[in-house]
Amino acid sequence: MADVAGILKVGEASATIRDTATRQRGSTAGYSLVLAVLCIVGAFVGAQMLPANERLAGALIGAGVGLFLYSVFCRRVTIWWFKRKFAQRGQPIDLPLRMEITPDALLYHVGDVDQSARWNAITELFPSHGYWIFLVQSSPWFAPQRFFSNTGAEREFVKAALAQMSEDAKSRSAAAATFASSS
């Protein structure tokens, strides 16, 4: 049996985020190049569409359109690329997920990974884009709202989680508290 232990300072591994993301979805250089090209082409086309005295405005509008296209296009490509990389590693694209609220901890089972977090490690619970997100020492754990059979079941889950959380965590979870207390 082997083990390793020590003290991890919060934020010390943040420099690894780029390397991790590169392995997950590919190099940032390609996305940056696409952004630059879309903005430059948009600016050029926008400048050509307006009279000479309004070309700067046209260029800015065109660059804005390029930025908009990038944000819509590249997000979809990134997700597709991430799924492709995941599959190349022999991992399933669809992962079963189960979250359990116990008196001692929040349990998170996703695919072949089981995690647990004592309640003092959970700093916030909030809704975002169809998910309930638990911040567990700054790591997000996702509970898709579509997993709940109805709003009542969702509300009971949120209430149960809030009942276990510290007062500080509850105070940062205002949207969850409002949802839990609504009828």
N, C-alpha and C. Protein backbone atom coordinates (compact mmCIF):
# COMPACT_ATOMS: atom_id res chain seq x y z
N MET A 1 0.85 -1.17 0.00
CA MET A 1 0.00 0.00 0.00
C MET A 1 0.90 1.24 0.00
N ALA A 2 0.49 2.24 -0.74
CA ALA A 2 1.25 3.49 -0.80
C ALA A 2 0.34 4.64 -0.44
N ASP A 3 0.90 5.66 0.15
CA ASP A 3 0.12 6.86 0.41
C ASP A 3 1.02 8.07 0.40
N VAL A 4 0.38 9.21 0.37
CA VAL A 4 1.08 10.48 0.42
C VAL A 4 0.22 11.43 1.22
N ALA A 5 0.82 12.29 2.00
CA ALA A 5 0.06 13.23 2.82
C ALA A 5 0.87 14.50 3.00
N GLY A 6 0.19 15.57 3.29
CA GLY A 6 0.83 16.85 3.51
C GLY A 6 -0.21 17.93 3.62
N ILE A 7 0.22 19.16 3.55
CA ILE A 7 -0.68 20.31 3.63
C ILE A 7 -0.79 20.94 2.25
N LEU A 8 -2.02 21.06 1.76
CA LEU A 8 -2.29 21.71 0.48
C LEU A 8 -2.81 23.10 0.78
N LYS A 9 -2.13 24.12 0.29
CA LYS A 9 -2.57 25.49 0.47
C LYS A 9 -3.63 25.81 -0.58
N VAL A 10 -4.68 26.48 -0.15
CA VAL A 10 -5.76 26.83 -1.06
C VAL A 10 -5.19 27.66 -2.20
N GLY A 11 -5.49 27.26 -3.42
CA GLY A 11 -5.07 27.99 -4.61
C GLY A 11 -3.71 27.63 -5.15
N GLU A 12 -2.95 26.80 -4.46
CA GLU A 12 -1.58 26.53 -4.90
C GLU A 12 -1.53 25.76 -6.22
N ALA A 13 -2.56 25.00 -6.53
CA ALA A 13 -2.55 24.22 -7.76
C ALA A 13 -3.24 24.94 -8.92
N SER A 14 -3.59 26.21 -8.74
CA SER A 14 -4.31 26.93 -9.79
C SER A 14 -3.49 27.03 -11.09
N ALA A 15 -2.18 26.99 -10.98
CA ALA A 15 -1.34 27.05 -12.18
C ALA A 15 -1.52 25.82 -13.06
N THR A 16 -2.08 24.76 -12.51
CA THR A 16 -2.27 23.53 -13.28
C THR A 16 -3.56 23.53 -14.09
N ILE A 17 -4.40 24.52 -13.90
CA ILE A 17 -5.70 24.54 -14.56
C ILE A 17 -5.56 24.52 -16.08
N ARG A 18 -4.64 25.29 -16.62
CA ARG A 18 -4.46 25.33 -18.08
C ARG A 18 -4.02 23.96 -18.61
N ASP A 19 -3.08 23.31 -17.92
CA ASP A 19 -2.62 21.99 -18.36
C ASP A 19 -3.75 20.96 -18.28
N THR A 20 -4.52 21.03 -17.23
CA THR A 20 -5.65 20.10 -17.08
C THR A 20 -6.67 20.34 -18.20
N ALA A 21 -7.02 21.58 -18.43
CA ALA A 21 -7.99 21.90 -19.48
C ALA A 21 -7.47 21.49 -20.86
N THR A 22 -6.19 21.65 -21.10
CA THR A 22 -5.61 21.25 -22.38
C THR A 22 -5.77 19.75 -22.58
N ARG A 23 -5.57 18.97 -21.53
CA ARG A 23 -5.73 17.52 -21.66
C ARG A 23 -7.19 17.13 -21.82
N GLN A 24 -8.10 17.94 -21.29
CA GLN A 24 -9.52 17.63 -21.39
C GLN A 24 -10.11 18.01 -22.74
N ARG A 25 -9.77 19.18 -23.24
CA ARG A 25 -10.44 19.66 -24.45
C ARG A 25 -9.53 20.13 -25.56
N GLY A 26 -8.24 20.21 -25.31
CA GLY A 26 -7.31 20.67 -26.33
C GLY A 26 -6.72 22.02 -25.99
N SER A 27 -5.79 22.46 -26.79
CA SER A 27 -5.05 23.69 -26.55
C SER A 27 -5.93 24.93 -26.64
N THR A 28 -5.61 25.91 -25.81
CA THR A 28 -6.30 27.19 -25.83
C THR A 28 -5.91 28.00 -27.06
N ALA A 29 -4.77 27.69 -27.63
CA ALA A 29 -4.29 28.46 -28.79
C ALA A 29 -5.29 28.43 -29.93
N GLY A 30 -5.86 27.28 -30.19
CA GLY A 30 -6.84 27.17 -31.27
C GLY A 30 -8.06 28.04 -31.03
N TYR A 31 -8.54 28.05 -29.80
CA TYR A 31 -9.70 28.87 -29.47
C TYR A 31 -9.36 30.35 -29.56
N SER A 32 -8.17 30.72 -29.13
CA SER A 32 -7.74 32.11 -29.20
C SER A 32 -7.61 32.56 -30.66
N LEU A 33 -7.09 31.68 -31.51
CA LEU A 33 -6.95 32.00 -32.92
C LEU A 33 -8.32 32.20 -33.57
N VAL A 34 -9.26 31.31 -33.27
CA VAL A 34 -10.61 31.44 -33.80
C VAL A 34 -11.23 32.76 -33.34
N LEU A 35 -11.05 33.12 -32.08
CA LEU A 35 -11.58 34.38 -31.57
C LEU A 35 -10.99 35.56 -32.32
N ALA A 36 -9.68 35.56 -32.48
CA ALA A 36 -9.02 36.67 -33.17
C ALA A 36 -9.50 36.77 -34.62
N VAL A 37 -9.58 35.65 -35.32
CA VAL A 37 -10.00 35.67 -36.73
C VAL A 37 -11.44 36.17 -36.85
N LEU A 38 -12.34 35.66 -36.00
CA LEU A 38 -13.73 36.10 -36.07
C LEU A 38 -13.86 37.59 -35.78
N CYS A 39 -13.13 38.09 -34.81
CA CYS A 39 -13.20 39.52 -34.49
C CYS A 39 -12.60 40.38 -35.61
N ILE A 40 -11.47 39.96 -36.17
CA ILE A 40 -10.83 40.72 -37.25
C ILE A 40 -11.70 40.72 -38.50
N VAL A 41 -12.19 39.53 -38.88
CA VAL A 41 -13.06 39.46 -40.07
C VAL A 41 -14.32 40.27 -39.83
N GLY A 42 -14.91 40.14 -38.63
CA GLY A 42 -16.11 40.91 -38.32
C GLY A 42 -15.85 42.40 -38.39
N ALA A 43 -14.73 42.84 -37.85
CA ALA A 43 -14.39 44.26 -37.88
C ALA A 43 -14.19 44.73 -39.31
N PHE A 44 -13.51 43.93 -40.12
CA PHE A 44 -13.28 44.31 -41.53
C PHE A 44 -14.60 44.42 -42.29
N VAL A 45 -15.44 43.39 -42.15
CA VAL A 45 -16.73 43.40 -42.86
C VAL A 45 -17.59 44.56 -42.35
N GLY A 46 -17.62 44.76 -41.03
CA GLY A 46 -18.42 45.86 -40.47
C GLY A 46 -17.94 47.21 -40.97
N ALA A 47 -16.64 47.39 -41.08
CA ALA A 47 -16.10 48.66 -41.55
C ALA A 47 -16.44 48.89 -43.02
N GLN A 48 -16.48 47.83 -43.81
CA GLN A 48 -16.78 47.96 -45.24
C GLN A 48 -18.26 48.24 -45.51
N MET A 49 -19.10 47.91 -44.57
CA MET A 49 -20.55 48.05 -44.78
C MET A 49 -21.04 49.47 -44.52
N LEU A 50 -20.24 50.29 -43.87
CA LEU A 50 -20.68 51.64 -43.54
C LEU A 50 -19.87 52.66 -44.32
N PRO A 51 -20.41 53.89 -44.46
CA PRO A 51 -19.65 54.94 -45.15
C PRO A 51 -18.33 55.22 -44.42
N ALA A 52 -17.41 55.85 -45.12
CA ALA A 52 -16.05 56.07 -44.61
C ALA A 52 -16.04 56.77 -43.26
N ASN A 53 -16.94 57.72 -43.05
CA ASN A 53 -16.92 58.47 -41.79
C ASN A 53 -17.50 57.66 -40.62
N GLU A 54 -18.05 56.48 -40.89
CA GLU A 54 -18.63 55.64 -39.83
C GLU A 54 -17.95 54.28 -39.75
N ARG A 55 -16.79 54.15 -40.37
CA ARG A 55 -16.12 52.84 -40.42
C ARG A 55 -15.69 52.33 -39.05
N LEU A 56 -15.27 53.25 -38.17
CA LEU A 56 -14.86 52.81 -36.83
C LEU A 56 -16.04 52.15 -36.11
N ALA A 57 -17.21 52.77 -36.21
CA ALA A 57 -18.40 52.18 -35.59
C ALA A 57 -18.71 50.83 -36.22
N GLY A 58 -18.60 50.75 -37.53
CA GLY A 58 -18.84 49.48 -38.22
C GLY A 58 -17.86 48.41 -37.79
N ALA A 59 -16.59 48.81 -37.62
CA ALA A 59 -15.57 47.85 -37.19
C ALA A 59 -15.87 47.35 -35.78
N LEU A 60 -16.28 48.24 -34.91
CA LEU A 60 -16.60 47.84 -33.53
C LEU A 60 -17.82 46.91 -33.51
N ILE A 61 -18.82 47.25 -34.29
CA ILE A 61 -20.02 46.40 -34.37
C ILE A 61 -19.64 45.03 -34.94
N GLY A 62 -18.85 45.04 -36.00
CA GLY A 62 -18.41 43.78 -36.61
C GLY A 62 -17.59 42.93 -35.67
N ALA A 63 -16.70 43.57 -34.91
CA ALA A 63 -15.90 42.83 -33.93
C ALA A 63 -16.82 42.24 -32.85
N GLY A 64 -17.83 42.99 -32.46
CA GLY A 64 -18.81 42.50 -31.49
C GLY A 64 -19.56 41.29 -32.01
N VAL A 65 -19.93 41.33 -33.29
CA VAL A 65 -20.60 40.19 -33.91
C VAL A 65 -19.64 38.99 -33.92
N GLY A 66 -18.38 39.23 -34.23
CA GLY A 66 -17.39 38.15 -34.21
C GLY A 66 -17.25 37.54 -32.82
N LEU A 67 -17.24 38.39 -31.81
CA LEU A 67 -17.15 37.91 -30.43
C LEU A 67 -18.40 37.10 -30.07
N PHE A 68 -19.56 37.57 -30.50
CA PHE A 68 -20.81 36.84 -30.25
C PHE A 68 -20.77 35.46 -30.92
N LEU A 69 -20.36 35.43 -32.18
CA LEU A 69 -20.27 34.15 -32.89
C LEU A 69 -19.29 33.20 -32.19
N TYR A 70 -18.19 33.75 -31.71
CA TYR A 70 -17.21 32.94 -30.99
C TYR A 70 -17.84 32.32 -29.75
N SER A 71 -18.55 33.16 -28.97
CA SER A 71 -19.12 32.66 -27.72
C SER A 71 -20.16 31.58 -27.97
N VAL A 72 -20.92 31.69 -29.04
CA VAL A 72 -21.93 30.67 -29.36
C VAL A 72 -21.27 29.44 -29.98
N PHE A 73 -20.38 29.65 -30.92
CA PHE A 73 -19.75 28.57 -31.68
C PHE A 73 -18.75 27.78 -30.84
N CYS A 74 -17.85 28.46 -30.19
CA CYS A 74 -16.75 27.78 -29.49
C CYS A 74 -17.22 27.00 -28.27
N ARG A 75 -18.27 27.44 -27.60
CA ARG A 75 -18.78 26.67 -26.47
C ARG A 75 -19.24 25.30 -26.96
N ARG A 76 -19.97 25.29 -28.05
CA ARG A 76 -20.45 24.00 -28.60
C ARG A 76 -19.29 23.13 -29.07
N VAL A 77 -18.33 23.72 -29.71
CA VAL A 77 -17.16 22.96 -30.17
C VAL A 77 -16.37 22.43 -28.98
N THR A 78 -16.23 23.23 -27.95
CA THR A 78 -15.50 22.79 -26.76
C THR A 78 -16.17 21.59 -26.11
N ILE A 79 -17.48 21.64 -25.99
CA ILE A 79 -18.20 20.50 -25.40
C ILE A 79 -18.04 19.27 -26.28
N TRP A 80 -18.17 19.44 -27.58
CA TRP A 80 -17.99 18.31 -28.51
C TRP A 80 -16.58 17.74 -28.37
N TRP A 81 -15.58 18.61 -28.33
CA TRP A 81 -14.18 18.19 -28.23
C TRP A 81 -13.94 17.47 -26.91
N PHE A 82 -14.49 18.00 -25.83
CA PHE A 82 -14.33 17.38 -24.52
C PHE A 82 -14.91 15.97 -24.53
N LYS A 83 -16.11 15.81 -25.08
CA LYS A 83 -16.72 14.48 -25.16
C LYS A 83 -15.87 13.54 -25.99
N ARG A 84 -15.32 14.03 -27.08
CA ARG A 84 -14.46 13.22 -27.94
C ARG A 84 -13.22 12.75 -27.19
N LYS A 85 -12.57 13.66 -26.48
CA LYS A 85 -11.38 13.32 -25.70
C LYS A 85 -11.73 12.29 -24.61
N PHE A 86 -12.86 12.49 -23.98
CA PHE A 86 -13.32 11.58 -22.93
C PHE A 86 -13.50 10.17 -23.51
N ALA A 87 -14.15 10.09 -24.66
CA ALA A 87 -14.39 8.79 -25.30
C ALA A 87 -13.08 8.14 -25.75
N GLN A 88 -12.12 8.94 -26.22
CA GLN A 88 -10.83 8.41 -26.64
C GLN A 88 -10.09 7.74 -25.47
N ARG A 89 -10.40 8.17 -24.27
CA ARG A 89 -9.78 7.57 -23.08
C ARG A 89 -10.57 6.36 -22.58
N GLY A 90 -11.59 5.96 -23.36
CA GLY A 90 -12.37 4.79 -23.00
C GLY A 90 -13.39 5.04 -21.91
N GLN A 91 -13.72 6.30 -21.70
CA GLN A 91 -14.69 6.64 -20.67
C GLN A 91 -16.08 6.81 -21.29
N PRO A 92 -17.11 6.39 -20.58
CA PRO A 92 -18.47 6.58 -21.11
C PRO A 92 -18.84 8.06 -21.11
N ILE A 93 -19.62 8.46 -22.09
CA ILE A 93 -20.06 9.85 -22.20
C ILE A 93 -21.18 10.12 -21.19
N ASP A 94 -22.01 9.12 -20.94
CA ASP A 94 -23.10 9.26 -19.98
C ASP A 94 -22.70 8.60 -18.67
N LEU A 95 -22.73 9.37 -17.60
CA LEU A 95 -22.30 8.88 -16.30
C LEU A 95 -23.48 8.91 -15.32
N PRO A 96 -23.73 7.81 -14.65
CA PRO A 96 -24.78 7.85 -13.63
C PRO A 96 -24.34 8.74 -12.47
N LEU A 97 -25.27 9.52 -11.96
CA LEU A 97 -24.99 10.44 -10.86
C LEU A 97 -26.03 10.24 -9.77
N ARG A 98 -25.56 10.18 -8.52
CA ARG A 98 -26.46 10.12 -7.38
C ARG A 98 -25.85 10.96 -6.27
N MET A 99 -26.68 11.77 -5.64
CA MET A 99 -26.26 12.57 -4.52
C MET A 99 -27.09 12.14 -3.32
N GLU A 100 -26.43 12.00 -2.18
CA GLU A 100 -27.14 11.59 -0.97
C GLU A 100 -26.84 12.58 0.15
N ILE A 101 -27.89 12.98 0.82
CA ILE A 101 -27.76 13.85 1.98
C ILE A 101 -27.87 12.96 3.21
N THR A 102 -26.80 12.90 3.99
CA THR A 102 -26.82 12.14 5.24
C THR A 102 -26.53 13.11 6.38
N PRO A 103 -26.79 12.72 7.61
CA PRO A 103 -26.50 13.64 8.73
C PRO A 103 -25.03 14.04 8.82
N ASP A 104 -24.13 13.16 8.38
CA ASP A 104 -22.70 13.43 8.53
C ASP A 104 -22.06 14.08 7.31
N ALA A 105 -22.61 13.79 6.12
CA ALA A 105 -21.91 14.23 4.92
C ALA A 105 -22.84 14.27 3.71
N LEU A 106 -22.39 14.98 2.70
CA LEU A 106 -23.01 14.94 1.38
C LEU A 106 -22.22 13.92 0.58
N LEU A 107 -22.90 12.94 0.02
CA LEU A 107 -22.25 11.89 -0.75
C LEU A 107 -22.53 12.13 -2.22
N TYR A 108 -21.50 11.99 -3.04
CA TYR A 108 -21.58 12.30 -4.48
C TYR A 108 -21.01 11.11 -5.23
N HIS A 109 -21.87 10.44 -5.95
CA HIS A 109 -21.47 9.26 -6.72
C HIS A 109 -21.66 9.60 -8.20
N VAL A 110 -20.58 9.62 -8.96
CA VAL A 110 -20.68 9.90 -10.39
C VAL A 110 -19.77 8.91 -11.12
N GLY A 111 -20.37 8.13 -12.01
CA GLY A 111 -19.61 7.11 -12.70
C GLY A 111 -19.01 6.14 -11.71
N ASP A 112 -17.72 5.92 -11.81
CA ASP A 112 -17.01 5.02 -10.90
C ASP A 112 -16.34 5.76 -9.75
N VAL A 113 -16.74 7.00 -9.51
CA VAL A 113 -16.13 7.81 -8.46
C VAL A 113 -17.15 8.08 -7.35
N ASP A 114 -16.73 7.82 -6.13
CA ASP A 114 -17.55 8.13 -4.95
C ASP A 114 -16.79 9.14 -4.12
N GLN A 115 -17.48 10.24 -3.77
CA GLN A 115 -16.87 11.27 -2.95
C GLN A 115 -17.79 11.58 -1.79
N SER A 116 -17.22 12.05 -0.71
CA SER A 116 -18.05 12.51 0.41
C SER A 116 -17.45 13.81 0.94
N ALA A 117 -18.33 14.65 1.42
CA ALA A 117 -17.90 15.92 2.01
C ALA A 117 -18.65 16.13 3.31
N ARG A 118 -17.90 16.31 4.39
CA ARG A 118 -18.55 16.66 5.65
C ARG A 118 -19.22 18.02 5.45
N TRP A 119 -20.27 18.26 6.18
CA TRP A 119 -21.07 19.46 5.96
C TRP A 119 -20.29 20.75 6.18
N ASN A 120 -19.27 20.73 7.03
CA ASN A 120 -18.50 21.96 7.24
C ASN A 120 -17.65 22.32 6.02
N ALA A 121 -17.50 21.40 5.06
CA ALA A 121 -16.74 21.68 3.84
C ALA A 121 -17.62 22.32 2.76
N ILE A 122 -18.92 22.31 2.96
CA ILE A 122 -19.83 22.86 1.96
C ILE A 122 -20.07 24.33 2.30
N THR A 123 -19.65 25.19 1.40
CA THR A 123 -19.69 26.62 1.67
C THR A 123 -20.89 27.34 1.08
N GLU A 124 -21.61 26.66 0.14
CA GLU A 124 -22.73 27.34 -0.50
C GLU A 124 -23.52 26.35 -1.34
N LEU A 125 -24.80 26.64 -1.53
CA LEU A 125 -25.67 25.90 -2.44
C LEU A 125 -26.43 26.94 -3.24
N PHE A 126 -26.37 26.84 -4.56
CA PHE A 126 -27.06 27.83 -5.39
C PHE A 126 -27.52 27.20 -6.71
N PRO A 127 -28.58 27.76 -7.31
CA PRO A 127 -29.04 27.28 -8.61
C PRO A 127 -28.32 28.01 -9.73
N SER A 128 -28.07 27.30 -10.83
CA SER A 128 -27.46 27.93 -12.00
C SER A 128 -27.73 27.08 -13.23
N HIS A 129 -28.40 27.65 -14.21
CA HIS A 129 -28.60 27.03 -15.51
C HIS A 129 -29.11 25.59 -15.43
N GLY A 130 -30.11 25.36 -14.58
CA GLY A 130 -30.71 24.03 -14.50
C GLY A 130 -30.01 23.07 -13.56
N TYR A 131 -29.15 23.56 -12.70
CA TYR A 131 -28.43 22.71 -11.74
C TYR A 131 -28.48 23.35 -10.36
N TRP A 132 -28.46 22.51 -9.34
CA TRP A 132 -28.14 22.95 -8.00
C TRP A 132 -26.67 22.66 -7.82
N ILE A 133 -25.92 23.67 -7.42
CA ILE A 133 -24.48 23.52 -7.29
C ILE A 133 -24.07 23.69 -5.83
N PHE A 134 -23.43 22.66 -5.32
CA PHE A 134 -22.85 22.71 -3.99
C PHE A 134 -21.38 23.10 -4.17
N LEU A 135 -20.93 24.15 -3.50
CA LEU A 135 -19.51 24.46 -3.50
C LEU A 135 -18.90 23.71 -2.32
N VAL A 136 -18.06 22.76 -2.64
CA VAL A 136 -17.41 21.91 -1.65
C VAL A 136 -15.94 22.30 -1.65
N GLN A 137 -15.55 23.12 -0.69
CA GLN A 137 -14.20 23.69 -0.65
C GLN A 137 -13.80 24.21 -2.03
N SER A 138 -14.66 24.95 -2.64
CA SER A 138 -14.51 25.62 -3.94
C SER A 138 -14.66 24.70 -5.14
N SER A 139 -14.90 23.41 -4.94
CA SER A 139 -15.15 22.50 -6.07
C SER A 139 -16.65 22.33 -6.26
N PRO A 140 -17.14 22.50 -7.47
CA PRO A 140 -18.58 22.38 -7.69
C PRO A 140 -19.03 20.92 -7.79
N TRP A 141 -20.10 20.61 -7.09
CA TRP A 141 -20.79 19.33 -7.23
C TRP A 141 -22.18 19.65 -7.77
N PHE A 142 -22.55 19.00 -8.85
CA PHE A 142 -23.76 19.35 -9.59
C PHE A 142 -24.89 18.38 -9.33
N ALA A 143 -26.08 18.92 -9.07
CA ALA A 143 -27.30 18.13 -8.98
C ALA A 143 -28.26 18.68 -10.03
N PRO A 144 -28.39 18.00 -11.18
CA PRO A 144 -29.28 18.51 -12.23
C PRO A 144 -30.73 18.59 -11.76
N GLN A 145 -31.36 19.71 -12.02
CA GLN A 145 -32.76 19.88 -11.62
C GLN A 145 -33.66 18.89 -12.36
N ARG A 146 -33.28 18.45 -13.52
CA ARG A 146 -34.10 17.50 -14.28
C ARG A 146 -34.18 16.13 -13.60
N PHE A 147 -33.30 15.86 -12.64
CA PHE A 147 -33.33 14.60 -11.92
C PHE A 147 -34.50 14.50 -10.95
N PHE A 148 -35.07 15.62 -10.57
CA PHE A 148 -36.16 15.62 -9.60
C PHE A 148 -37.48 15.35 -10.31
N SER A 149 -38.30 14.52 -9.70
CA SER A 149 -39.58 14.14 -10.33
C SER A 149 -40.54 15.31 -10.42
N ASN A 150 -40.42 16.26 -9.49
CA ASN A 150 -41.28 17.45 -9.52
C ASN A 150 -40.65 18.53 -8.64
N THR A 151 -41.26 19.69 -8.63
CA THR A 151 -40.72 20.81 -7.87
C THR A 151 -40.74 20.52 -6.37
N GLY A 152 -41.76 19.80 -5.92
CA GLY A 152 -41.84 19.45 -4.50
C GLY A 152 -40.66 18.60 -4.05
N ALA A 153 -40.28 17.62 -4.87
CA ALA A 153 -39.14 16.76 -4.55
C ALA A 153 -37.85 17.57 -4.56
N GLU A 154 -37.74 18.47 -5.50
CA GLU A 154 -36.56 19.35 -5.58
C GLU A 154 -36.48 20.23 -4.33
N ARG A 155 -37.63 20.79 -3.94
CA ARG A 155 -37.67 21.66 -2.77
C ARG A 155 -37.28 20.88 -1.50
N GLU A 156 -37.76 19.66 -1.37
CA GLU A 156 -37.42 18.84 -0.19
C GLU A 156 -35.93 18.52 -0.15
N PHE A 157 -35.34 18.26 -1.29
CA PHE A 157 -33.90 18.00 -1.37
C PHE A 157 -33.11 19.22 -0.90
N VAL A 158 -33.49 20.38 -1.41
CA VAL A 158 -32.79 21.63 -1.04
C VAL A 158 -32.97 21.91 0.45
N LYS A 159 -34.20 21.71 0.96
CA LYS A 159 -34.45 21.90 2.40
C LYS A 159 -33.57 20.97 3.22
N ALA A 160 -33.50 19.71 2.81
CA ALA A 160 -32.68 18.73 3.55
C ALA A 160 -31.21 19.13 3.56
N ALA A 161 -30.73 19.63 2.45
CA ALA A 161 -29.33 20.07 2.38
C ALA A 161 -29.11 21.28 3.29
N LEU A 162 -29.99 22.26 3.19
CA LEU A 162 -29.85 23.46 4.01
C LEU A 162 -29.89 23.14 5.50
N ALA A 163 -30.69 22.15 5.87
CA ALA A 163 -30.80 21.76 7.28
C ALA A 163 -29.48 21.25 7.84
N GLN A 164 -28.61 20.74 6.98
CA GLN A 164 -27.33 20.20 7.42
C GLN A 164 -26.19 21.23 7.35
N MET A 165 -26.37 22.28 6.59
CA MET A 165 -25.30 23.23 6.34
C MET A 165 -25.09 24.18 7.52
N SER A 166 -23.88 24.71 7.63
CA SER A 166 -23.57 25.68 8.69
C SER A 166 -24.36 26.97 8.45
N GLU A 167 -24.46 27.78 9.49
CA GLU A 167 -25.18 29.06 9.37
C GLU A 167 -24.51 29.96 8.34
N ASP A 168 -23.19 29.99 8.30
CA ASP A 168 -22.48 30.81 7.30
C ASP A 168 -22.80 30.34 5.89
N ALA A 169 -22.79 29.03 5.69
CA ALA A 169 -23.09 28.48 4.36
C ALA A 169 -24.53 28.79 3.97
N LYS A 170 -25.43 28.68 4.92
CA LYS A 170 -26.85 29.01 4.64
C LYS A 170 -26.98 30.48 4.24
N SER A 171 -26.25 31.36 4.93
CA SER A 171 -26.36 32.79 4.62
C SER A 171 -25.85 33.10 3.22
N ARG A 172 -24.91 32.30 2.72
CA ARG A 172 -24.43 32.49 1.35
C ARG A 172 -25.34 31.80 0.33
N SER A 173 -26.32 31.06 0.80
CA SER A 173 -27.21 30.28 -0.06
C SER A 173 -28.61 30.88 -0.10
N ALA A 174 -28.68 32.18 -0.27
CA ALA A 174 -29.96 32.89 -0.20
C ALA A 174 -30.97 32.38 -1.24
N ALA A 175 -30.53 32.12 -2.46
CA ALA A 175 -31.45 31.65 -3.50
C ALA A 175 -32.00 30.28 -3.14
N ALA A 176 -31.17 29.43 -2.55
CA ALA A 176 -31.62 28.09 -2.14
C ALA A 176 -32.63 28.22 -1.00
N ALA A 177 -32.35 29.10 -0.04
CA ALA A 177 -33.25 29.30 1.09
C ALA A 177 -34.61 29.83 0.61
N THR A 178 -34.57 30.78 -0.32
CA THR A 178 -35.81 31.32 -0.87
C THR A 178 -36.60 30.24 -1.58
N PHE A 179 -35.93 29.44 -2.39
CA PHE A 179 -36.59 28.33 -3.10
C PHE A 179 -37.18 27.34 -2.10
N ALA A 180 -36.42 26.98 -1.08
CA ALA A 180 -36.87 25.98 -0.11
C ALA A 180 -38.08 26.45 0.68
N SER A 181 -38.18 27.76 0.92
CA SER A 181 -39.28 28.26 1.72
C SER A 181 -40.51 28.66 0.89
N SER A 182 -40.37 28.65 -0.42
CA SER A 182 -41.51 28.99 -1.29
C SER A 182 -42.46 27.80 -1.38
N SER A 183 -43.68 28.08 -1.79
CA SER A 183 -44.63 26.95 -1.90
C SER A 183 -45.23 26.82 -3.25
